C-alpha cells in the first residue's frame, strides 16, 4: 500500500510526518486494527454491545468516550441547554437525561466527521485504503446507501496486533 511499517515506532514516525493529529490518527489506526478481519478489512459494519453499527458511527462512539475530559464538552452542554431551554421538562433529572443524550449525539457525530479526516491522513501515510459498499454495489446490504470499508496495510496490521499492551 505504501511505506512498510515494521513496528510501532515506524508507524508513529510516519504519522507525525503526514498527520495534523498524529496521536488521534494512531488511536483510530489501533481501533481499526482491533476490528480488522480477514485481509485486514474493517467494515462496513461493526458488531458492538449496542448492536451492529456502521464503521463511522462505531468510531465516533468509541472516540466520544475519551472526549469527556475537557472543557469543550461542557461548553457543548451549555449551548445545548440554551437551545433546548423551552423544550426541557421541569424535572431536573429528566432534563439532564435529555441534555446528556443530545450532547452524546453531537459528540459522536463530530467524532464520525473527524474520523473521515483522519482516514484521509492514514491514506496519505499509506496505512489504509478505503472504499464504499452499498449504493450500486453488490453486497448483503444492497440499498443501504454507501458504507465505508477500510483496508489496513498488512504490515501495519501485523505490527499493531503483535503488541500485548497499548502504547
Foldseek 3Di string as FASTA:
>chain_A
DADFDQAPVSQLVLLVVQPPDSVVLVVVLLVQLVQQDPQSKHDCWDQDPVGIDGPLLVQLLVVLVVPPPDCVLVVQLVVVCVVCVVPADPPPVRRVVVSVVVSSVVSSVVSSVVVVVSVVSCVVSVFKDKDWDEDVHDDDNHPPPTGIMIHGDPSSSCNSVVDPDDD
